[in-house]
Amino acid sequence: MKHGRIIVPANGWYEWVGEKGSKQPWYIRAKSDEPLFLAALTNHHPGEPDHAGAGFVIVTDDVAGGMLDIHGRRPLALSVEEALLWMDTGISYQQAEQIARTATLREDYFVWYPVSKEVNRAGNNAPHLIEPVKKEP
């Protein structure tokens, strides 16, 4: 795969914990508050018109315990150096696969905490939605 590897910059991401109907959203970000570089794949080709279904997917990695025991996956967050390598069209498929298997940032790079359930409504978009709150009932 020489083409189609991209990086999606993000400040963090949400995960939901709990039983259906009463799930608590948590926000996960870098302890340093620096941007995250999430590995992704796209079927968009620069210089060509987008086709129906054009878009991207975020590559995920095994959580392997720790962060939040929600499900077994999380976005593949890379260091700046690994992110640049991920996008390098000169690396082989095997090298890209090796990055995906081994280069994710470790759990201790992140901090996570509960946030307002207001994030459950798609129309809500405000800075306070990434601020810590006490777990809501």
N, C-alpha and C. Protein backbone atom coordinates (compact mmCIF):
# COMPACT_ATOMS: atom_id res chain seq x y z
N MET A 1 0.84 -1.17 0.00
CA MET A 1 0.00 0.00 0.00
C MET A 1 0.89 1.24 0.00
N LYS A 2 1.16 1.78 -1.15
CA LYS A 2 2.01 2.96 -1.27
C LYS A 2 1.20 4.24 -1.08
N HIS A 3 -0.07 4.21 -1.40
CA HIS A 3 -0.90 5.40 -1.31
C HIS A 3 -2.07 5.12 -0.37
N GLY A 4 -2.62 6.18 0.17
CA GLY A 4 -3.81 6.03 1.00
C GLY A 4 -3.54 6.12 2.49
N ARG A 5 -2.28 6.16 2.91
CA ARG A 5 -1.99 6.32 4.33
C ARG A 5 -1.99 7.81 4.66
N ILE A 6 -2.79 8.20 5.63
CA ILE A 6 -2.88 9.60 6.03
C ILE A 6 -2.82 9.70 7.55
N ILE A 7 -2.73 10.93 8.03
CA ILE A 7 -2.78 11.21 9.46
C ILE A 7 -3.98 12.12 9.72
N VAL A 8 -4.75 11.79 10.74
CA VAL A 8 -5.85 12.64 11.18
C VAL A 8 -5.41 13.29 12.49
N PRO A 9 -5.20 14.61 12.49
CA PRO A 9 -4.82 15.28 13.74
C PRO A 9 -6.05 15.40 14.64
N ALA A 10 -5.84 15.22 15.93
CA ALA A 10 -6.95 15.29 16.89
C ALA A 10 -6.44 15.76 18.24
N ASN A 11 -7.31 16.40 18.99
CA ASN A 11 -6.97 16.76 20.37
C ASN A 11 -7.21 15.60 21.31
N GLY A 12 -8.10 14.69 20.93
CA GLY A 12 -8.43 13.54 21.76
C GLY A 12 -9.60 12.80 21.14
N TRP A 13 -10.15 11.86 21.89
CA TRP A 13 -11.33 11.14 21.42
C TRP A 13 -12.17 10.72 22.61
N TYR A 14 -13.43 10.38 22.33
CA TYR A 14 -14.38 9.96 23.36
C TYR A 14 -14.55 8.45 23.33
N GLU A 15 -14.78 7.90 24.50
CA GLU A 15 -15.20 6.50 24.65
C GLU A 15 -16.32 6.49 25.67
N TRP A 16 -17.23 5.53 25.54
CA TRP A 16 -18.36 5.42 26.46
C TRP A 16 -18.23 4.15 27.29
N VAL A 17 -18.48 4.28 28.59
CA VAL A 17 -18.35 3.17 29.53
C VAL A 17 -19.68 2.96 30.24
N GLY A 18 -20.07 1.71 30.42
CA GLY A 18 -21.27 1.40 31.19
C GLY A 18 -22.28 0.62 30.39
N GLU A 19 -23.42 0.46 31.02
CA GLU A 19 -24.51 -0.29 30.42
C GLU A 19 -25.27 0.56 29.42
N LYS A 20 -25.83 -0.09 28.41
CA LYS A 20 -26.61 0.62 27.40
C LYS A 20 -27.70 1.44 28.08
N GLY A 21 -27.84 2.68 27.66
CA GLY A 21 -28.84 3.56 28.24
C GLY A 21 -28.31 4.43 29.36
N SER A 22 -27.19 4.04 29.96
CA SER A 22 -26.61 4.86 31.04
C SER A 22 -25.10 4.98 30.88
N LYS A 23 -24.63 4.96 29.66
CA LYS A 23 -23.18 5.02 29.42
C LYS A 23 -22.62 6.40 29.75
N GLN A 24 -21.45 6.38 30.38
CA GLN A 24 -20.74 7.61 30.74
C GLN A 24 -19.67 7.88 29.70
N PRO A 25 -19.67 9.07 29.06
CA PRO A 25 -18.59 9.39 28.12
C PRO A 25 -17.31 9.76 28.87
N TRP A 26 -16.18 9.33 28.33
CA TRP A 26 -14.85 9.67 28.83
C TRP A 26 -14.10 10.31 27.68
N TYR A 27 -13.24 11.26 28.02
CA TYR A 27 -12.40 11.91 27.03
C TYR A 27 -10.97 11.44 27.24
N ILE A 28 -10.30 11.09 26.16
CA ILE A 28 -8.92 10.60 26.21
C ILE A 28 -8.06 11.56 25.39
N ARG A 29 -6.98 12.04 26.00
CA ARG A 29 -6.09 13.00 25.33
C ARG A 29 -4.66 12.77 25.80
N ALA A 30 -3.72 13.46 25.16
CA ALA A 30 -2.32 13.40 25.60
C ALA A 30 -2.18 14.16 26.92
N LYS A 31 -1.40 13.61 27.86
CA LYS A 31 -1.15 14.31 29.13
C LYS A 31 -0.61 15.71 28.88
N SER A 32 0.19 15.86 27.86
CA SER A 32 0.84 17.13 27.54
C SER A 32 -0.10 18.13 26.86
N ASP A 33 -1.30 17.71 26.50
CA ASP A 33 -2.25 18.52 25.72
C ASP A 33 -1.79 18.78 24.29
N GLU A 34 -0.73 18.12 23.85
CA GLU A 34 -0.27 18.26 22.47
C GLU A 34 -1.23 17.52 21.55
N PRO A 35 -1.28 17.90 20.27
CA PRO A 35 -2.15 17.19 19.33
C PRO A 35 -1.73 15.72 19.19
N LEU A 36 -2.71 14.90 18.87
CA LEU A 36 -2.46 13.49 18.58
C LEU A 36 -2.44 13.31 17.07
N PHE A 37 -1.67 12.35 16.63
CA PHE A 37 -1.57 12.02 15.20
C PHE A 37 -2.11 10.60 15.02
N LEU A 38 -3.33 10.50 14.51
CA LEU A 38 -4.01 9.21 14.37
C LEU A 38 -3.80 8.66 12.97
N ALA A 39 -3.30 7.43 12.90
CA ALA A 39 -3.09 6.77 11.61
C ALA A 39 -4.45 6.47 10.98
N ALA A 40 -4.54 6.70 9.67
CA ALA A 40 -5.79 6.46 8.96
C ALA A 40 -5.48 6.01 7.54
N LEU A 41 -6.51 5.49 6.89
CA LEU A 41 -6.43 5.07 5.49
C LEU A 41 -7.53 5.78 4.72
N THR A 42 -7.23 6.19 3.50
CA THR A 42 -8.22 6.88 2.67
C THR A 42 -8.26 6.28 1.27
N ASN A 43 -9.43 6.42 0.64
CA ASN A 43 -9.55 6.04 -0.76
C ASN A 43 -9.66 7.28 -1.64
N HIS A 44 -9.35 8.44 -1.07
CA HIS A 44 -9.29 9.70 -1.83
C HIS A 44 -7.93 9.78 -2.52
N HIS A 45 -7.92 10.23 -3.75
CA HIS A 45 -6.67 10.39 -4.49
C HIS A 45 -6.52 11.86 -4.87
N PRO A 46 -5.49 12.55 -4.35
CA PRO A 46 -5.31 13.96 -4.68
C PRO A 46 -5.27 14.18 -6.19
N GLY A 47 -5.91 15.25 -6.63
CA GLY A 47 -5.93 15.57 -8.05
C GLY A 47 -7.03 14.87 -8.82
N GLU A 48 -7.76 13.97 -8.16
CA GLU A 48 -8.87 13.28 -8.81
C GLU A 48 -10.16 13.66 -8.11
N PRO A 49 -11.28 13.72 -8.85
CA PRO A 49 -12.55 14.03 -8.18
C PRO A 49 -12.93 12.90 -7.22
N ASP A 50 -13.54 13.29 -6.10
CA ASP A 50 -14.00 12.27 -5.16
C ASP A 50 -15.16 11.49 -5.77
N HIS A 51 -15.21 10.24 -5.45
CA HIS A 51 -16.28 9.37 -5.92
C HIS A 51 -17.23 9.09 -4.76
N ALA A 52 -18.39 8.55 -5.07
CA ALA A 52 -19.32 8.18 -4.01
C ALA A 52 -18.62 7.19 -3.08
N GLY A 53 -18.71 7.44 -1.81
CA GLY A 53 -18.06 6.56 -0.85
C GLY A 53 -16.64 6.96 -0.50
N ALA A 54 -16.15 8.06 -1.07
CA ALA A 54 -14.79 8.52 -0.72
C ALA A 54 -14.77 8.94 0.74
N GLY A 55 -13.70 8.63 1.42
CA GLY A 55 -13.58 9.00 2.83
C GLY A 55 -12.33 8.40 3.43
N PHE A 56 -12.36 8.22 4.75
CA PHE A 56 -11.22 7.63 5.43
C PHE A 56 -11.69 6.83 6.63
N VAL A 57 -10.82 5.97 7.11
CA VAL A 57 -11.06 5.20 8.34
C VAL A 57 -9.84 5.36 9.23
N ILE A 58 -10.08 5.44 10.52
CA ILE A 58 -9.00 5.51 11.50
C ILE A 58 -8.53 4.08 11.77
N VAL A 59 -7.24 3.88 11.76
CA VAL A 59 -6.66 2.58 12.08
C VAL A 59 -6.72 2.41 13.59
N THR A 60 -7.13 1.22 14.05
CA THR A 60 -7.19 0.96 15.48
C THR A 60 -6.18 -0.10 15.88
N ASP A 61 -5.95 -0.15 17.18
CA ASP A 61 -4.95 -1.05 17.75
C ASP A 61 -5.57 -1.74 18.96
N ASP A 62 -5.02 -2.89 19.34
CA ASP A 62 -5.46 -3.55 20.57
C ASP A 62 -5.14 -2.68 21.76
N VAL A 63 -6.07 -2.58 22.70
CA VAL A 63 -5.83 -1.82 23.92
C VAL A 63 -4.89 -2.60 24.83
N ALA A 64 -5.02 -3.91 24.86
CA ALA A 64 -4.19 -4.78 25.70
C ALA A 64 -4.28 -4.37 27.17
N GLY A 65 -5.49 -4.15 27.66
CA GLY A 65 -5.68 -3.81 29.07
C GLY A 65 -5.32 -2.38 29.35
N GLY A 66 -5.77 -1.86 30.46
CA GLY A 66 -5.37 -0.52 30.84
C GLY A 66 -6.43 0.51 30.59
N MET A 67 -6.14 1.48 29.77
CA MET A 67 -6.90 2.72 29.59
C MET A 67 -8.32 2.66 30.14
N LEU A 68 -9.23 2.18 29.39
CA LEU A 68 -10.60 2.00 29.83
C LEU A 68 -11.03 0.63 29.33
N ASP A 69 -11.59 -0.14 30.21
CA ASP A 69 -12.00 -1.48 29.80
C ASP A 69 -13.36 -1.40 29.12
N ILE A 70 -13.36 -0.84 27.94
CA ILE A 70 -14.58 -0.62 27.19
C ILE A 70 -14.72 -1.69 26.12
N HIS A 71 -13.76 -1.70 25.28
CA HIS A 71 -13.66 -2.68 24.21
C HIS A 71 -12.19 -2.84 23.90
N GLY A 72 -11.86 -3.74 23.02
CA GLY A 72 -10.46 -4.08 22.81
C GLY A 72 -9.70 -3.23 21.81
N ARG A 73 -10.24 -2.09 21.39
CA ARG A 73 -9.59 -1.30 20.35
C ARG A 73 -9.46 0.16 20.79
N ARG A 74 -8.50 0.86 20.20
CA ARG A 74 -8.36 2.31 20.35
C ARG A 74 -7.68 2.84 19.09
N PRO A 75 -7.82 4.15 18.80
CA PRO A 75 -7.14 4.71 17.63
C PRO A 75 -5.63 4.51 17.73
N LEU A 76 -5.00 4.29 16.60
CA LEU A 76 -3.54 4.13 16.54
C LEU A 76 -2.92 5.52 16.54
N ALA A 77 -2.49 5.98 17.73
CA ALA A 77 -1.88 7.30 17.90
C ALA A 77 -0.37 7.16 17.77
N LEU A 78 0.23 8.00 16.92
CA LEU A 78 1.65 7.89 16.60
C LEU A 78 2.43 9.13 17.06
N SER A 79 3.72 8.94 17.30
CA SER A 79 4.61 10.07 17.56
C SER A 79 4.75 10.86 16.26
N VAL A 80 5.29 12.07 16.35
CA VAL A 80 5.50 12.89 15.15
C VAL A 80 6.36 12.13 14.14
N GLU A 81 7.44 11.52 14.61
CA GLU A 81 8.36 10.80 13.72
C GLU A 81 7.67 9.63 13.03
N GLU A 82 6.92 8.86 13.80
CA GLU A 82 6.21 7.70 13.22
C GLU A 82 5.10 8.17 12.28
N ALA A 83 4.44 9.29 12.60
CA ALA A 83 3.39 9.82 11.72
C ALA A 83 3.97 10.22 10.37
N LEU A 84 5.12 10.87 10.39
CA LEU A 84 5.77 11.24 9.12
C LEU A 84 6.16 10.00 8.32
N LEU A 85 6.66 9.00 9.00
CA LEU A 85 7.03 7.75 8.33
C LEU A 85 5.79 7.05 7.77
N TRP A 86 4.70 7.05 8.53
CA TRP A 86 3.44 6.44 8.09
C TRP A 86 2.98 7.01 6.75
N MET A 87 3.16 8.32 6.56
CA MET A 87 2.71 8.97 5.32
C MET A 87 3.72 8.90 4.19
N ASP A 88 4.91 8.41 4.45
CA ASP A 88 5.98 8.35 3.45
C ASP A 88 5.63 7.30 2.39
N THR A 89 5.44 7.74 1.15
CA THR A 89 5.08 6.80 0.07
C THR A 89 6.26 5.93 -0.34
N GLY A 90 7.44 6.23 0.18
CA GLY A 90 8.62 5.45 -0.15
C GLY A 90 8.81 4.21 0.71
N ILE A 91 7.99 4.06 1.77
CA ILE A 91 8.16 2.85 2.59
C ILE A 91 7.29 1.73 2.04
N SER A 92 7.69 0.52 2.33
CA SER A 92 6.97 -0.65 1.82
C SER A 92 5.72 -0.93 2.65
N TYR A 93 4.87 -1.77 2.09
CA TYR A 93 3.68 -2.24 2.81
C TYR A 93 4.09 -2.87 4.13
N GLN A 94 5.16 -3.67 4.11
CA GLN A 94 5.62 -4.35 5.31
C GLN A 94 6.07 -3.35 6.38
N GLN A 95 6.75 -2.28 5.96
CA GLN A 95 7.17 -1.26 6.92
C GLN A 95 5.96 -0.54 7.52
N ALA A 96 4.97 -0.24 6.69
CA ALA A 96 3.75 0.40 7.19
C ALA A 96 3.03 -0.53 8.17
N GLU A 97 2.97 -1.80 7.83
CA GLU A 97 2.33 -2.77 8.72
C GLU A 97 3.09 -2.85 10.05
N GLN A 98 4.40 -2.80 10.01
CA GLN A 98 5.21 -2.84 11.23
C GLN A 98 4.92 -1.62 12.11
N ILE A 99 4.77 -0.45 11.50
CA ILE A 99 4.40 0.74 12.27
C ILE A 99 3.05 0.52 12.95
N ALA A 100 2.09 0.01 12.20
CA ALA A 100 0.75 -0.22 12.74
C ALA A 100 0.77 -1.22 13.89
N ARG A 101 1.66 -2.18 13.83
CA ARG A 101 1.72 -3.22 14.87
C ARG A 101 2.51 -2.81 16.11
N THR A 102 3.45 -1.88 15.96
CA THR A 102 4.38 -1.64 17.07
C THR A 102 4.54 -0.19 17.52
N ALA A 103 4.07 0.77 16.76
CA ALA A 103 4.46 2.16 17.03
C ALA A 103 3.44 2.99 17.82
N THR A 104 2.35 2.41 18.26
CA THR A 104 1.35 3.21 18.96
C THR A 104 1.91 3.77 20.27
N LEU A 105 1.45 4.96 20.61
CA LEU A 105 1.90 5.58 21.86
C LEU A 105 1.40 4.76 23.05
N ARG A 106 2.24 4.67 24.06
CA ARG A 106 1.92 3.85 25.23
C ARG A 106 0.82 4.50 26.08
N GLU A 107 0.19 3.66 26.87
CA GLU A 107 -0.90 4.09 27.74
C GLU A 107 -0.49 5.26 28.64
N ASP A 108 0.75 5.28 29.12
CA ASP A 108 1.17 6.34 30.05
C ASP A 108 1.34 7.70 29.36
N TYR A 109 1.17 7.77 28.06
CA TYR A 109 1.21 9.03 27.32
C TYR A 109 -0.11 9.80 27.47
N PHE A 110 -1.17 9.09 27.86
CA PHE A 110 -2.53 9.62 27.86
C PHE A 110 -3.06 9.88 29.27
N VAL A 111 -4.10 10.70 29.31
CA VAL A 111 -4.92 10.89 30.49
C VAL A 111 -6.37 10.75 30.03
N TRP A 112 -7.23 10.23 30.90
CA TRP A 112 -8.64 10.07 30.54
C TRP A 112 -9.50 10.33 31.76
N TYR A 113 -10.69 10.87 31.51
CA TYR A 113 -11.58 11.26 32.60
C TYR A 113 -13.01 11.38 32.06
N PRO A 114 -14.01 11.26 32.98
CA PRO A 114 -15.40 11.40 32.55
C PRO A 114 -15.71 12.84 32.16
N VAL A 115 -16.58 12.98 31.17
CA VAL A 115 -17.03 14.30 30.70
C VAL A 115 -18.56 14.31 30.66
N SER A 116 -19.12 15.47 30.41
CA SER A 116 -20.57 15.65 30.42
C SER A 116 -21.27 14.74 29.40
N LYS A 117 -22.43 14.25 29.79
CA LYS A 117 -23.23 13.44 28.88
C LYS A 117 -23.82 14.27 27.74
N GLU A 118 -23.61 15.58 27.79
CA GLU A 118 -24.05 16.44 26.69
C GLU A 118 -23.40 16.03 25.37
N VAL A 119 -22.24 15.37 25.42
CA VAL A 119 -21.58 14.95 24.17
C VAL A 119 -22.39 13.89 23.44
N ASN A 120 -23.38 13.32 24.11
CA ASN A 120 -24.22 12.30 23.48
C ASN A 120 -25.14 12.88 22.42
N ARG A 121 -25.33 14.19 22.41
CA ARG A 121 -26.20 14.83 21.42
C ARG A 121 -25.36 15.43 20.30
N ALA A 122 -25.61 15.00 19.10
CA ALA A 122 -24.78 15.37 17.94
C ALA A 122 -24.68 16.88 17.72
N GLY A 123 -25.69 17.64 18.05
CA GLY A 123 -25.66 19.08 17.82
C GLY A 123 -24.79 19.85 18.80
N ASN A 124 -24.39 19.21 19.88
CA ASN A 124 -23.59 19.89 20.89
C ASN A 124 -22.13 19.96 20.47
N ASN A 125 -21.57 21.16 20.55
CA ASN A 125 -20.18 21.37 20.18
C ASN A 125 -19.68 22.59 20.94
N ALA A 126 -19.11 22.36 22.11
CA ALA A 126 -18.65 23.47 22.95
C ALA A 126 -17.39 23.05 23.70
N PRO A 127 -16.55 24.01 24.04
CA PRO A 127 -15.28 23.70 24.72
C PRO A 127 -15.44 22.95 26.04
N HIS A 128 -16.53 23.22 26.77
CA HIS A 128 -16.68 22.57 28.07
C HIS A 128 -16.93 21.05 27.95
N LEU A 129 -17.21 20.57 26.75
CA LEU A 129 -17.51 19.15 26.59
C LEU A 129 -16.28 18.26 26.72
N ILE A 130 -15.08 18.85 26.82
CA ILE A 130 -13.87 18.04 27.05
C ILE A 130 -13.31 18.30 28.45
N GLU A 131 -14.08 19.01 29.28
CA GLU A 131 -13.65 19.28 30.66
C GLU A 131 -14.10 18.14 31.57
N PRO A 132 -13.28 17.79 32.57
CA PRO A 132 -13.65 16.71 33.50
C PRO A 132 -14.91 17.05 34.31
N VAL A 133 -15.70 16.03 34.57
CA VAL A 133 -16.85 16.14 35.47
C VAL A 133 -16.84 14.91 36.38
N LYS A 134 -17.63 14.97 37.45
CA LYS A 134 -17.83 13.76 38.25
C LYS A 134 -18.69 12.82 37.44
N LYS A 135 -18.53 11.53 37.66
CA LYS A 135 -19.36 10.57 36.93
C LYS A 135 -20.82 10.92 37.16
N GLU A 136 -21.57 10.95 36.07
CA GLU A 136 -22.99 11.29 36.15
C GLU A 136 -23.81 10.03 36.37
N PRO A 137 -24.92 10.16 37.12
CA PRO A 137 -25.76 8.97 37.37
C PRO A 137 -26.45 8.49 36.12
